[in-house]
Structure formats: C-alpha cells, structure tokens
Amino acid sequence: HLFDEVCGLRQAAPLDELQHLCQNFADSCR
C-alpha cells in the first residue's frame, strides 16, 4: 500500500529499487 502511494506521486526519481525491495519483502515473508 505504501509503495503504491509513493508510485502515485509520479516523481522523476526511478522506482526500480523500491519495487525490488517490496517484492523481496513479500517473498521473504511467504
């Protein structure tokens, strides 16, 4: 949810690292 809110800001900075960490966290908690 937090990641989606940050994505919604549509800023110039890339989101690749955030997306990677978000997915890694979900995978580590599976």
mmCIF file of all heavy atoms, coordinates in Angstrom:
data_MODEL
# 
_entry.id   MODEL 
# 
loop_
_atom_site.group_PDB 
_atom_site.id 
_atom_site.type_symbol 
_atom_site.label_atom_id 
_atom_site.label_alt_id 
_atom_site.label_comp_id 
_atom_site.label_asym_id 
_atom_site.label_entity_id 
_atom_site.label_seq_id 
_atom_site.pdbx_PDB_ins_code 
_atom_site.Cartn_x 
_atom_site.Cartn_y 
_atom_site.Cartn_z 
_atom_site.occupancy 
_atom_site.B_iso_or_equiv 
_atom_site.pdbx_formal_charge 
_atom_site.auth_seq_id 
_atom_site.auth_comp_id 
_atom_site.auth_asym_id 
_atom_site.auth_atom_id 
_atom_site.pdbx_PDB_model_num 
ATOM 1   N N   . HIS A 1 1  ? 0.845  -1.205  0.000   1.00 0.00 ? 1  HIS A N   1 
ATOM 2   C CA  . HIS A 1 1  ? 0.000  0.000   0.000   1.00 0.00 ? 1  HIS A CA  1 
ATOM 3   C C   . HIS A 1 1  ? 0.878  1.252   0.000   1.00 0.00 ? 1  HIS A C   1 
ATOM 4   O O   . HIS A 1 1  ? 0.635  2.196   -0.766  1.00 0.00 ? 1  HIS A O   1 
ATOM 5   C CB  . HIS A 1 1  ? -0.911 -0.013  1.224   1.00 0.00 ? 1  HIS A CB  1 
ATOM 6   C CG  . HIS A 1 1  ? -1.897 1.108   1.254   1.00 0.00 ? 1  HIS A CG  1 
ATOM 7   N ND1 . HIS A 1 1  ? -3.198 0.935   1.660   1.00 0.00 ? 1  HIS A ND1 1 
ATOM 8   C CD2 . HIS A 1 1  ? -1.797 2.425   0.949   1.00 0.00 ? 1  HIS A CD2 1 
ATOM 9   C CE1 . HIS A 1 1  ? -3.849 2.082   1.578   1.00 0.00 ? 1  HIS A CE1 1 
ATOM 10  N NE2 . HIS A 1 1  ? -3.011 3.004   1.162   1.00 0.00 ? 1  HIS A NE2 1 
ATOM 11  N N   . LEU A 1 2  ? 1.904  1.264   0.859   1.00 0.00 ? 2  LEU A N   1 
ATOM 12  C CA  . LEU A 1 2  ? 2.820  2.406   0.902   1.00 0.00 ? 2  LEU A CA  1 
ATOM 13  C C   . LEU A 1 2  ? 3.529  2.574   -0.434  1.00 0.00 ? 2  LEU A C   1 
ATOM 14  O O   . LEU A 1 2  ? 3.656  3.699   -0.948  1.00 0.00 ? 2  LEU A O   1 
ATOM 15  C CB  . LEU A 1 2  ? 3.836  2.207   2.026   1.00 0.00 ? 2  LEU A CB  1 
ATOM 16  C CG  . LEU A 1 2  ? 4.943  3.274   2.138   1.00 0.00 ? 2  LEU A CG  1 
ATOM 17  C CD1 . LEU A 1 2  ? 4.350  4.649   2.384   1.00 0.00 ? 2  LEU A CD1 1 
ATOM 18  C CD2 . LEU A 1 2  ? 5.912  2.894   3.266   1.00 0.00 ? 2  LEU A CD2 1 
ATOM 19  N N   . PHE A 1 3  ? 3.974  1.468   -1.010  1.00 0.00 ? 3  PHE A N   1 
ATOM 20  C CA  . PHE A 1 3  ? 4.649  1.541   -2.311  1.00 0.00 ? 3  PHE A CA  1 
ATOM 21  C C   . PHE A 1 3  ? 3.718  2.121   -3.380  1.00 0.00 ? 3  PHE A C   1 
ATOM 22  O O   . PHE A 1 3  ? 4.123  2.961   -4.188  1.00 0.00 ? 3  PHE A O   1 
ATOM 23  C CB  . PHE A 1 3  ? 5.130  0.155   -2.729  1.00 0.00 ? 3  PHE A CB  1 
ATOM 24  C CG  . PHE A 1 3  ? 5.720  0.105   -4.104  1.00 0.00 ? 3  PHE A CG  1 
ATOM 25  C CD1 . PHE A 1 3  ? 6.938  0.715   -4.377  1.00 0.00 ? 3  PHE A CD1 1 
ATOM 26  C CD2 . PHE A 1 3  ? 5.051  -0.542  -5.141  1.00 0.00 ? 3  PHE A CD2 1 
ATOM 27  C CE1 . PHE A 1 3  ? 7.484  0.677   -5.651  1.00 0.00 ? 3  PHE A CE1 1 
ATOM 28  C CE2 . PHE A 1 3  ? 5.595  -0.581  -6.419  1.00 0.00 ? 3  PHE A CE2 1 
ATOM 29  C CZ  . PHE A 1 3  ? 6.811  0.031   -6.673  1.00 0.00 ? 3  PHE A CZ  1 
ATOM 30  N N   . ASP A 1 4  ? 2.465  1.684   -3.389  1.00 0.00 ? 4  ASP A N   1 
ATOM 31  C CA  . ASP A 1 4  ? 1.503  2.193   -4.360  1.00 0.00 ? 4  ASP A CA  1 
ATOM 32  C C   . ASP A 1 4  ? 1.285  3.695   -4.192  1.00 0.00 ? 4  ASP A C   1 
ATOM 33  O O   . ASP A 1 4  ? 1.160  4.438   -5.180  1.00 0.00 ? 4  ASP A O   1 
ATOM 34  C CB  . ASP A 1 4  ? 0.163  1.465   -4.214  1.00 0.00 ? 4  ASP A CB  1 
ATOM 35  C CG  . ASP A 1 4  ? 0.236  0.014   -4.680  1.00 0.00 ? 4  ASP A CG  1 
ATOM 36  O OD1 . ASP A 1 4  ? 1.210  -0.344  -5.368  1.00 0.00 ? 4  ASP A OD1 1 
ATOM 37  O OD2 . ASP A 1 4  ? -0.687 -0.754  -4.349  1.00 0.00 ? 4  ASP A OD2 1 
ATOM 38  N N   . GLU A 1 5  ? 1.249  4.157   -2.941  1.00 0.00 ? 5  GLU A N   1 
ATOM 39  C CA  . GLU A 1 5  ? 1.071  5.588   -2.690  1.00 0.00 ? 5  GLU A CA  1 
ATOM 40  C C   . GLU A 1 5  ? 2.279  6.377   -3.212  1.00 0.00 ? 5  GLU A C   1 
ATOM 41  O O   . GLU A 1 5  ? 2.131  7.460   -3.793  1.00 0.00 ? 5  GLU A O   1 
ATOM 42  C CB  . GLU A 1 5  ? 0.879  5.849   -1.196  1.00 0.00 ? 5  GLU A CB  1 
ATOM 43  C CG  . GLU A 1 5  ? -0.419 5.302   -0.613  1.00 0.00 ? 5  GLU A CG  1 
ATOM 44  C CD  . GLU A 1 5  ? -1.623 6.156   -0.968  1.00 0.00 ? 5  GLU A CD  1 
ATOM 45  O OE1 . GLU A 1 5  ? -1.503 7.073   -1.802  1.00 0.00 ? 5  GLU A OE1 1 
ATOM 46  O OE2 . GLU A 1 5  ? -2.703 5.908   -0.409  1.00 0.00 ? 5  GLU A OE2 1 
ATOM 47  N N   . VAL A 1 6  ? 3.458  5.837   -2.981  1.00 0.00 ? 6  VAL A N   1 
ATOM 48  C CA  . VAL A 1 6  ? 4.670  6.512   -3.470  1.00 0.00 ? 6  VAL A CA  1 
ATOM 49  C C   . VAL A 1 6  ? 4.685  6.538   -4.999  1.00 0.00 ? 6  VAL A C   1 
ATOM 50  O O   . VAL A 1 6  ? 5.040  7.552   -5.615  1.00 0.00 ? 6  VAL A O   1 
ATOM 51  C CB  . VAL A 1 6  ? 5.934  5.814   -2.920  1.00 0.00 ? 6  VAL A CB  1 
ATOM 52  C CG1 . VAL A 1 6  ? 7.188  6.380   -3.577  1.00 0.00 ? 6  VAL A CG1 1 
ATOM 53  C CG2 . VAL A 1 6  ? 6.023  5.990   -1.408  1.00 0.00 ? 6  VAL A CG2 1 
ATOM 54  N N   . CYS A 1 7  ? 4.279  5.450   -5.615  1.00 0.00 ? 7  CYS A N   1 
ATOM 55  C CA  . CYS A 1 7  ? 4.219  5.407   -7.079  1.00 0.00 ? 7  CYS A CA  1 
ATOM 56  C C   . CYS A 1 7  ? 3.267  6.477   -7.615  1.00 0.00 ? 7  CYS A C   1 
ATOM 57  O O   . CYS A 1 7  ? 3.504  7.066   -8.675  1.00 0.00 ? 7  CYS A O   1 
ATOM 58  C CB  . CYS A 1 7  ? 3.741  4.040   -7.553  1.00 0.00 ? 7  CYS A CB  1 
ATOM 59  S SG  . CYS A 1 7  ? 4.949  2.713   -7.347  1.00 0.00 ? 7  CYS A SG  1 
ATOM 60  N N   . GLY A 1 8  ? 2.202  6.721   -6.863  1.00 0.00 ? 8  GLY A N   1 
ATOM 61  C CA  . GLY A 1 8  ? 1.211  7.696   -7.291  1.00 0.00 ? 8  GLY A CA  1 
ATOM 62  C C   . GLY A 1 8  ? 1.723  9.122   -7.304  1.00 0.00 ? 8  GLY A C   1 
ATOM 63  O O   . GLY A 1 8  ? 1.078  10.008  -7.878  1.00 0.00 ? 8  GLY A O   1 
ATOM 64  N N   . LEU A 1 9  ? 2.875  9.373   -6.688  1.00 0.00 ? 9  LEU A N   1 
ATOM 65  C CA  . LEU A 1 9  ? 3.437  10.728  -6.696  1.00 0.00 ? 9  LEU A CA  1 
ATOM 66  C C   . LEU A 1 9  ? 3.982  11.103  -8.068  1.00 0.00 ? 9  LEU A C   1 
ATOM 67  O O   . LEU A 1 9  ? 4.111  12.291  -8.381  1.00 0.00 ? 9  LEU A O   1 
ATOM 68  C CB  . LEU A 1 9  ? 4.566  10.833  -5.654  1.00 0.00 ? 9  LEU A CB  1 
ATOM 69  C CG  . LEU A 1 9  ? 4.156  10.621  -4.198  1.00 0.00 ? 9  LEU A CG  1 
ATOM 70  C CD1 . LEU A 1 9  ? 5.381  10.703  -3.300  1.00 0.00 ? 9  LEU A CD1 1 
ATOM 71  C CD2 . LEU A 1 9  ? 3.125  11.650  -3.776  1.00 0.00 ? 9  LEU A CD2 1 
ATOM 72  N N   . ARG A 1 10 ? 4.343  10.080  -8.865  1.00 0.00 ? 10 ARG A N   1 
ATOM 73  C CA  . ARG A 1 10 ? 4.822  10.288  -10.235 1.00 0.00 ? 10 ARG A CA  1 
ATOM 74  C C   . ARG A 1 10 ? 5.978  11.293  -10.295 1.00 0.00 ? 10 ARG A C   1 
ATOM 75  O O   . ARG A 1 10 ? 5.972  12.234  -11.084 1.00 0.00 ? 10 ARG A O   1 
ATOM 76  C CB  . ARG A 1 10 ? 3.676  10.744  -11.145 1.00 0.00 ? 10 ARG A CB  1 
ATOM 77  C CG  . ARG A 1 10 ? 2.526  9.760   -11.194 1.00 0.00 ? 10 ARG A CG  1 
ATOM 78  C CD  . ARG A 1 10 ? 1.483  10.149  -12.226 1.00 0.00 ? 10 ARG A CD  1 
ATOM 79  N NE  . ARG A 1 10 ? 0.377  9.215   -12.216 1.00 0.00 ? 10 ARG A NE  1 
ATOM 80  C CZ  . ARG A 1 10 ? 0.358  8.018   -12.797 1.00 0.00 ? 10 ARG A CZ  1 
ATOM 81  N NH1 . ARG A 1 10 ? 1.439  7.597   -13.427 1.00 0.00 ? 10 ARG A NH1 1 
ATOM 82  N NH2 . ARG A 1 10 ? -0.696 7.253   -12.743 1.00 0.00 ? 10 ARG A NH2 1 
ATOM 83  N N   . GLN A 1 11 ? 6.954  11.065  -9.430  1.00 0.00 ? 11 GLN A N   1 
ATOM 84  C CA  . GLN A 1 11 ? 8.137  11.927  -9.440  1.00 0.00 ? 11 GLN A CA  1 
ATOM 85  C C   . GLN A 1 11 ? 9.167  11.384  -10.428 1.00 0.00 ? 11 GLN A C   1 
ATOM 86  O O   . GLN A 1 11 ? 9.054  10.261  -10.921 1.00 0.00 ? 11 GLN A O   1 
ATOM 87  C CB  . GLN A 1 11 ? 8.726  12.022  -8.034  1.00 0.00 ? 11 GLN A CB  1 
ATOM 88  C CG  . GLN A 1 11 ? 7.773  12.694  -7.056  1.00 0.00 ? 11 GLN A CG  1 
ATOM 89  C CD  . GLN A 1 11 ? 8.296  12.732  -5.639  1.00 0.00 ? 11 GLN A CD  1 
ATOM 90  O OE1 . GLN A 1 11 ? 7.641  13.242  -4.766  1.00 0.00 ? 11 GLN A OE1 1 
ATOM 91  N NE2 . GLN A 1 11 ? 9.474  12.207  -5.405  1.00 0.00 ? 11 GLN A NE2 1 
ATOM 92  N N   . ALA A 1 12 ? 10.167 12.193  -10.676 1.00 0.00 ? 12 ALA A N   1 
ATOM 93  C CA  . ALA A 1 12 ? 11.151 11.820  -11.696 1.00 0.00 ? 12 ALA A CA  1 
ATOM 94  C C   . ALA A 1 12 ? 12.065 10.680  -11.242 1.00 0.00 ? 12 ALA A C   1 
ATOM 95  O O   . ALA A 1 12 ? 12.579 9.936   -12.064 1.00 0.00 ? 12 ALA A O   1 
ATOM 96  C CB  . ALA A 1 12 ? 11.989 13.047  -12.062 1.00 0.00 ? 12 ALA A CB  1 
ATOM 97  N N   . ALA A 1 13 ? 12.274 10.543  -9.950  1.00 0.00 ? 13 ALA A N   1 
ATOM 98  C CA  . ALA A 1 13 ? 13.204 9.521   -9.443  1.00 0.00 ? 13 ALA A CA  1 
ATOM 99  C C   . ALA A 1 13 ? 12.686 8.124   -9.770  1.00 0.00 ? 13 ALA A C   1 
ATOM 100 O O   . ALA A 1 13 ? 11.489 7.846   -9.644  1.00 0.00 ? 13 ALA A O   1 
ATOM 101 C CB  . ALA A 1 13 ? 13.371 9.676   -7.933  1.00 0.00 ? 13 ALA A CB  1 
ATOM 102 N N   . PRO A 1 14 ? 13.562 7.208   -10.195 1.00 0.00 ? 14 PRO A N   1 
ATOM 103 C CA  . PRO A 1 14 ? 13.128 5.852   -10.558 1.00 0.00 ? 14 PRO A CA  1 
ATOM 104 C C   . PRO A 1 14 ? 12.662 5.064   -9.336  1.00 0.00 ? 14 PRO A C   1 
ATOM 105 O O   . PRO A 1 14 ? 13.093 5.306   -8.203  1.00 0.00 ? 14 PRO A O   1 
ATOM 106 C CB  . PRO A 1 14 ? 14.390 5.233   -11.161 1.00 0.00 ? 14 PRO A CB  1 
ATOM 107 C CG  . PRO A 1 14 ? 15.519 6.018   -10.582 1.00 0.00 ? 14 PRO A CG  1 
ATOM 108 C CD  . PRO A 1 14 ? 15.000 7.412   -10.402 1.00 0.00 ? 14 PRO A CD  1 
ATOM 109 N N   . LEU A 1 15 ? 11.784 4.095   -9.588  1.00 0.00 ? 15 LEU A N   1 
ATOM 110 C CA  . LEU A 1 15 ? 11.181 3.296   -8.517  1.00 0.00 ? 15 LEU A CA  1 
ATOM 111 C C   . LEU A 1 15 ? 11.658 1.848   -8.549  1.00 0.00 ? 15 LEU A C   1 
ATOM 112 O O   . LEU A 1 15 ? 11.134 1.023   -7.803  1.00 0.00 ? 15 LEU A O   1 
ATOM 113 C CB  . LEU A 1 15 ? 9.652  3.335   -8.632  1.00 0.00 ? 15 LEU A CB  1 
ATOM 114 C CG  . LEU A 1 15 ? 8.996  4.677   -8.330  1.00 0.00 ? 15 LEU A CG  1 
ATOM 115 C CD1 . LEU A 1 15 ? 7.592  4.710   -8.892  1.00 0.00 ? 15 LEU A CD1 1 
ATOM 116 C CD2 . LEU A 1 15 ? 8.971  4.923   -6.826  1.00 0.00 ? 15 LEU A CD2 1 
ATOM 117 N N   . ASP A 1 16 ? 12.646 1.539   -9.374  1.00 0.00 ? 16 ASP A N   1 
ATOM 118 C CA  . ASP A 1 16 ? 13.074 0.149   -9.535  1.00 0.00 ? 16 ASP A CA  1 
ATOM 119 C C   . ASP A 1 16 ? 13.531 -0.475  -8.216  1.00 0.00 ? 16 ASP A C   1 
ATOM 120 O O   . ASP A 1 16 ? 13.172 -1.609  -7.893  1.00 0.00 ? 16 ASP A O   1 
ATOM 121 C CB  . ASP A 1 16 ? 14.209 0.065   -10.557 1.00 0.00 ? 16 ASP A CB  1 
ATOM 122 C CG  . ASP A 1 16 ? 13.759 0.452   -11.956 1.00 0.00 ? 16 ASP A CG  1 
ATOM 123 O OD1 . ASP A 1 16 ? 12.551 0.680   -12.142 1.00 0.00 ? 16 ASP A OD1 1 
ATOM 124 O OD2 . ASP A 1 16 ? 14.615 0.524   -12.852 1.00 0.00 ? 16 ASP A OD2 1 
ATOM 125 N N   . GLU A 1 17 ? 14.339 0.271   -7.451  1.00 0.00 ? 17 GLU A N   1 
ATOM 126 C CA  . GLU A 1 17 ? 14.843 -0.277  -6.192  1.00 0.00 ? 17 GLU A CA  1 
ATOM 127 C C   . GLU A 1 17 ? 13.711 -0.522  -5.205  1.00 0.00 ? 17 GLU A C   1 
ATOM 128 O O   . GLU A 1 17 ? 13.668 -1.561  -4.533  1.00 0.00 ? 17 GLU A O   1 
ATOM 129 C CB  . GLU A 1 17 ? 15.873 0.672   -5.572  1.00 0.00 ? 17 GLU A CB  1 
ATOM 130 C CG  . GLU A 1 17 ? 16.459 0.128   -4.266  1.00 0.00 ? 17 GLU A CG  1 
ATOM 131 C CD  . GLU A 1 17 ? 17.404 1.103   -3.589  1.00 0.00 ? 17 GLU A CD  1 
ATOM 132 O OE1 . GLU A 1 17 ? 17.608 2.213   -4.114  1.00 0.00 ? 17 GLU A OE1 1 
ATOM 133 O OE2 . GLU A 1 17 ? 17.927 0.744   -2.518  1.00 0.00 ? 17 GLU A OE2 1 
ATOM 134 N N   . LEU A 1 18 ? 12.778 0.425   -5.117  1.00 0.00 ? 18 LEU A N   1 
ATOM 135 C CA  . LEU A 1 18 ? 11.647 0.255   -4.211  1.00 0.00 ? 18 LEU A CA  1 
ATOM 136 C C   . LEU A 1 18 ? 10.807 -0.956  -4.601  1.00 0.00 ? 18 LEU A C   1 
ATOM 137 O O   . LEU A 1 18 ? 10.387 -1.743  -3.739  1.00 0.00 ? 18 LEU A O   1 
ATOM 138 C CB  . LEU A 1 18 ? 10.771 1.508   -4.208  1.00 0.00 ? 18 LEU A CB  1 
ATOM 139 C CG  . LEU A 1 18 ? 11.335 2.759   -3.545  1.00 0.00 ? 18 LEU A CG  1 
ATOM 140 C CD1 . LEU A 1 18 ? 10.333 3.897   -3.619  1.00 0.00 ? 18 LEU A CD1 1 
ATOM 141 C CD2 . LEU A 1 18 ? 11.700 2.489   -2.088  1.00 0.00 ? 18 LEU A CD2 1 
ATOM 142 N N   . GLN A 1 19 ? 10.551 -1.102  -5.881  1.00 0.00 ? 19 GLN A N   1 
ATOM 143 C CA  . GLN A 1 19 ? 9.753  -2.232  -6.352  1.00 0.00 ? 19 GLN A CA  1 
ATOM 144 C C   . GLN A 1 19 ? 10.450 -3.555  -6.040  1.00 0.00 ? 19 GLN A C   1 
ATOM 145 O O   . GLN A 1 19 ? 9.813  -4.525  -5.608  1.00 0.00 ? 19 GLN A O   1 
ATOM 146 C CB  . GLN A 1 19 ? 9.501  -2.104  -7.853  1.00 0.00 ? 19 GLN A CB  1 
ATOM 147 C CG  . GLN A 1 19 ? 8.575  -3.175  -8.404  1.00 0.00 ? 19 GLN A CG  1 
ATOM 148 C CD  . GLN A 1 19 ? 8.226  -2.929  -9.858  1.00 0.00 ? 19 GLN A CD  1 
ATOM 149 O OE1 . GLN A 1 19 ? 8.950  -2.229  -10.561 1.00 0.00 ? 19 GLN A OE1 1 
ATOM 150 N NE2 . GLN A 1 19 ? 7.122  -3.475  -10.313 1.00 0.00 ? 19 GLN A NE2 1 
ATOM 151 N N   . HIS A 1 20 ? 11.769 -3.589  -6.251  1.00 0.00 ? 20 HIS A N   1 
ATOM 152 C CA  . HIS A 1 20 ? 12.550 -4.803  -5.981  1.00 0.00 ? 20 HIS A CA  1 
ATOM 153 C C   . HIS A 1 20 ? 12.502 -5.163  -4.495  1.00 0.00 ? 20 HIS A C   1 
ATOM 154 O O   . HIS A 1 20 ? 12.264 -6.319  -4.129  1.00 0.00 ? 20 HIS A O   1 
ATOM 155 C CB  . HIS A 1 20 ? 13.997 -4.576  -6.431  1.00 0.00 ? 20 HIS A CB  1 
ATOM 156 C CG  . HIS A 1 20 ? 14.914 -5.714  -6.117  1.00 0.00 ? 20 HIS A CG  1 
ATOM 157 N ND1 . HIS A 1 20 ? 14.872 -6.923  -6.783  1.00 0.00 ? 20 HIS A ND1 1 
ATOM 158 C CD2 . HIS A 1 20 ? 15.906 -5.833  -5.184  1.00 0.00 ? 20 HIS A CD2 1 
ATOM 159 C CE1 . HIS A 1 20 ? 15.779 -7.741  -6.282  1.00 0.00 ? 20 HIS A CE1 1 
ATOM 160 N NE2 . HIS A 1 20 ? 16.429 -7.100  -5.323  1.00 0.00 ? 20 HIS A NE2 1 
ATOM 161 N N   . LEU A 1 21 ? 12.691 -4.161  -3.623  1.00 0.00 ? 21 LEU A N   1 
ATOM 162 C CA  . LEU A 1 21 ? 12.676 -4.416  -2.181  1.00 0.00 ? 21 LEU A CA  1 
ATOM 163 C C   . LEU A 1 21 ? 11.281 -4.801  -1.699  1.00 0.00 ? 21 LEU A C   1 
ATOM 164 O O   . LEU A 1 21 ? 11.134 -5.675  -0.820  1.00 0.00 ? 21 LEU A O   1 
ATOM 165 C CB  . LEU A 1 21 ? 13.174 -3.184  -1.429  1.00 0.00 ? 21 LEU A CB  1 
ATOM 166 C CG  . LEU A 1 21 ? 14.663 -2.870  -1.569  1.00 0.00 ? 21 LEU A CG  1 
ATOM 167 C CD1 . LEU A 1 21 ? 14.986 -1.499  -0.974  1.00 0.00 ? 21 LEU A CD1 1 
ATOM 168 C CD2 . LEU A 1 21 ? 15.506 -3.946  -0.882  1.00 0.00 ? 21 LEU A CD2 1 
ATOM 169 N N   . CYS A 1 22 ? 10.271 -4.171  -2.250  1.00 0.00 ? 22 CYS A N   1 
ATOM 170 C CA  . CYS A 1 22 ? 8.893  -4.501  -1.882  1.00 0.00 ? 22 CYS A CA  1 
ATOM 171 C C   . CYS A 1 22 ? 8.584  -5.953  -2.198  1.00 0.00 ? 22 CYS A C   1 
ATOM 172 O O   . CYS A 1 22 ? 8.019  -6.679  -1.374  1.00 0.00 ? 22 CYS A O   1 
ATOM 173 C CB  . CYS A 1 22 ? 7.931  -3.560  -2.617  1.00 0.00 ? 22 CYS A CB  1 
ATOM 174 S SG  . CYS A 1 22 ? 6.197  -3.770  -2.164  1.00 0.00 ? 22 CYS A SG  1 
ATOM 175 N N   . GLN A 1 23 ? 8.981  -6.404  -3.391  1.00 0.00 ? 23 GLN A N   1 
ATOM 176 C CA  . GLN A 1 23 ? 8.747  -7.792  -3.779  1.00 0.00 ? 23 GLN A CA  1 
ATOM 177 C C   . GLN A 1 23 ? 9.587  -8.746  -2.939  1.00 0.00 ? 23 GLN A C   1 
ATOM 178 O O   . GLN A 1 23 ? 9.114  -9.822  -2.538  1.00 0.00 ? 23 GLN A O   1 
ATOM 179 C CB  . GLN A 1 23 ? 9.069  -7.977  -5.259  1.00 0.00 ? 23 GLN A CB  1 
ATOM 180 C CG  . GLN A 1 23 ? 8.709  -9.365  -5.796  1.00 0.00 ? 23 GLN A CG  1 
ATOM 181 C CD  . GLN A 1 23 ? 7.233  -9.678  -5.630  1.00 0.00 ? 23 GLN A CD  1 
ATOM 182 O OE1 . GLN A 1 23 ? 6.390  -8.915  -6.083  1.00 0.00 ? 23 GLN A OE1 1 
ATOM 183 N NE2 . GLN A 1 23 ? 6.927  -10.797 -4.992  1.00 0.00 ? 23 GLN A NE2 1 
ATOM 184 N N   . ASN A 1 24 ? 10.822 -8.373  -2.651  1.00 0.00 ? 24 ASN A N   1 
ATOM 185 C CA  . ASN A 1 24 ? 11.679 -9.216  -1.816  1.00 0.00 ? 24 ASN A CA  1 
ATOM 186 C C   . ASN A 1 24 ? 11.091 -9.409  -0.427  1.00 0.00 ? 24 ASN A C   1 
ATOM 187 O O   . ASN A 1 24 ? 11.173 -10.499 0.156   1.00 0.00 ? 24 ASN A O   1 
ATOM 188 C CB  . ASN A 1 24 ? 13.076 -8.600  -1.703  1.00 0.00 ? 24 ASN A CB  1 
ATOM 189 C CG  . ASN A 1 24 ? 13.963 -8.932  -2.883  1.00 0.00 ? 24 ASN A CG  1 
ATOM 190 O OD1 . ASN A 1 24 ? 13.538 -9.624  -3.807  1.00 0.00 ? 24 ASN A OD1 1 
ATOM 191 N ND2 . ASN A 1 24 ? 15.193 -8.446  -2.863  1.00 0.00 ? 24 ASN A ND2 1 
ATOM 192 N N   . PHE A 1 25 ? 10.517 -8.330  0.116   1.00 0.00 ? 25 PHE A N   1 
ATOM 193 C CA  . PHE A 1 25 ? 9.912  -8.445  1.450   1.00 0.00 ? 25 PHE A CA  1 
ATOM 194 C C   . PHE A 1 25 ? 8.726  -9.399  1.422   1.00 0.00 ? 25 PHE A C   1 
ATOM 195 O O   . PHE A 1 25 ? 8.590  -10.263 2.296   1.00 0.00 ? 25 PHE A O   1 
ATOM 196 C CB  . PHE A 1 25 ? 9.486  -7.074  1.960   1.00 0.00 ? 25 PHE A CB  1 
ATOM 197 C CG  . PHE A 1 25 ? 8.818  -7.116  3.307   1.00 0.00 ? 25 PHE A CG  1 
ATOM 198 C CD1 . PHE A 1 25 ? 9.516  -7.547  4.427   1.00 0.00 ? 25 PHE A CD1 1 
ATOM 199 C CD2 . PHE A 1 25 ? 7.487  -6.756  3.442   1.00 0.00 ? 25 PHE A CD2 1 
ATOM 200 C CE1 . PHE A 1 25 ? 8.903  -7.604  5.682   1.00 0.00 ? 25 PHE A CE1 1 
ATOM 201 C CE2 . PHE A 1 25 ? 6.869  -6.808  4.696   1.00 0.00 ? 25 PHE A CE2 1 
ATOM 202 C CZ  . PHE A 1 25 ? 7.571  -7.234  5.808   1.00 0.00 ? 25 PHE A CZ  1 
ATOM 203 N N   . ALA A 1 26 ? 7.871  -9.259  0.426   1.00 0.00 ? 26 ALA A N   1 
ATOM 204 C CA  . ALA A 1 26 ? 6.720  -10.159 0.313   1.00 0.00 ? 26 ALA A CA  1 
ATOM 205 C C   . ALA A 1 26 ? 7.182  -11.605 0.171   1.00 0.00 ? 26 ALA A C   1 
ATOM 206 O O   . ALA A 1 26 ? 6.620  -12.516 0.795   1.00 0.00 ? 26 ALA A O   1 
ATOM 207 C CB  . ALA A 1 26 ? 5.852  -9.753  -0.879  1.00 0.00 ? 26 ALA A CB  1 
ATOM 208 N N   . ASP A 1 27 ? 8.224  -11.833 -0.634  1.00 0.00 ? 27 ASP A N   1 
ATOM 209 C CA  . ASP A 1 27 ? 8.739  -13.190 -0.834  1.00 0.00 ? 27 ASP A CA  1 
ATOM 210 C C   . ASP A 1 27 ? 9.348  -13.751 0.446   1.00 0.00 ? 27 ASP A C   1 
ATOM 211 O O   . ASP A 1 27 ? 9.151  -14.928 0.781   1.00 0.00 ? 27 ASP A O   1 
ATOM 212 C CB  . ASP A 1 27 ? 9.792  -13.190 -1.941  1.00 0.00 ? 27 ASP A CB  1 
ATOM 213 C CG  . ASP A 1 27 ? 9.200  -12.910 -3.317  1.00 0.00 ? 27 ASP A CG  1 
ATOM 214 O OD1 . ASP A 1 27 ? 7.973  -13.013 -3.474  1.00 0.00 ? 27 ASP A OD1 1 
ATOM 215 O OD2 . ASP A 1 27 ? 9.987  -12.570 -4.229  1.00 0.00 ? 27 ASP A OD2 1 
ATOM 216 N N   . SER A 1 28 ? 10.092 -12.922 1.184   1.00 0.00 ? 28 SER A N   1 
ATOM 217 C CA  . SER A 1 28 ? 10.749 -13.399 2.406   1.00 0.00 ? 28 SER A CA  1 
ATOM 218 C C   . SER A 1 28 ? 9.730  -13.752 3.485   1.00 0.00 ? 28 SER A C   1 
ATOM 219 O O   . SER A 1 28 ? 10.015 -14.580 4.360   1.00 0.00 ? 28 SER A O   1 
ATOM 220 C CB  . SER A 1 28 ? 11.730 -12.341 2.925   1.00 0.00 ? 28 SER A CB  1 
ATOM 221 O OG  . SER A 1 28 ? 11.045 -11.196 3.399   1.00 0.00 ? 28 SER A OG  1 
ATOM 222 N N   . CYS A 1 29 ? 8.547  -13.140 3.433   1.00 0.00 ? 29 CYS A N   1 
ATOM 223 C CA  . CYS A 1 29 ? 7.514  -13.395 4.448   1.00 0.00 ? 29 CYS A CA  1 
ATOM 224 C C   . CYS A 1 29 ? 6.536  -14.491 4.037   1.00 0.00 ? 29 CYS A C   1 
ATOM 225 O O   . CYS A 1 29 ? 5.658  -14.841 4.839   1.00 0.00 ? 29 CYS A O   1 
ATOM 226 C CB  . CYS A 1 29 ? 6.741  -12.113 4.745   1.00 0.00 ? 29 CYS A CB  1 
ATOM 227 S SG  . CYS A 1 29 ? 7.692  -10.850 5.600   1.00 0.00 ? 29 CYS A SG  1 
ATOM 228 N N   . ARG A 1 30 ? 6.683  -15.037 2.831   1.00 0.00 ? 30 ARG A N   1 
ATOM 229 C CA  . ARG A 1 30 ? 5.697  -16.020 2.355   1.00 0.00 ? 30 ARG A CA  1 
ATOM 230 C C   . ARG A 1 30 ? 5.545  -17.210 3.296   1.00 0.00 ? 30 ARG A C   1 
ATOM 231 O O   . ARG A 1 30 ? 4.414  -17.563 3.666   1.00 0.00 ? 30 ARG A O   1 
ATOM 232 C CB  . ARG A 1 30 ? 6.054  -16.487 0.939   1.00 0.00 ? 30 ARG A CB  1 
ATOM 233 C CG  . ARG A 1 30 ? 5.013  -17.443 0.349   1.00 0.00 ? 30 ARG A CG  1 
ATOM 234 C CD  . ARG A 1 30 ? 5.278  -17.744 -1.116  1.00 0.00 ? 30 ARG A CD  1 
ATOM 235 N NE  . ARG A 1 30 ? 5.025  -16.562 -1.932  1.00 0.00 ? 30 ARG A NE  1 
ATOM 236 C CZ  . ARG A 1 30 ? 5.952  -15.918 -2.632  1.00 0.00 ? 30 ARG A CZ  1 
ATOM 237 N NH1 . ARG A 1 30 ? 7.216  -16.337 -2.589  1.00 0.00 ? 30 ARG A NH1 1 
ATOM 238 N NH2 . ARG A 1 30 ? 5.656  -14.876 -3.357  1.00 0.00 ? 30 ARG A NH2 1 
# 
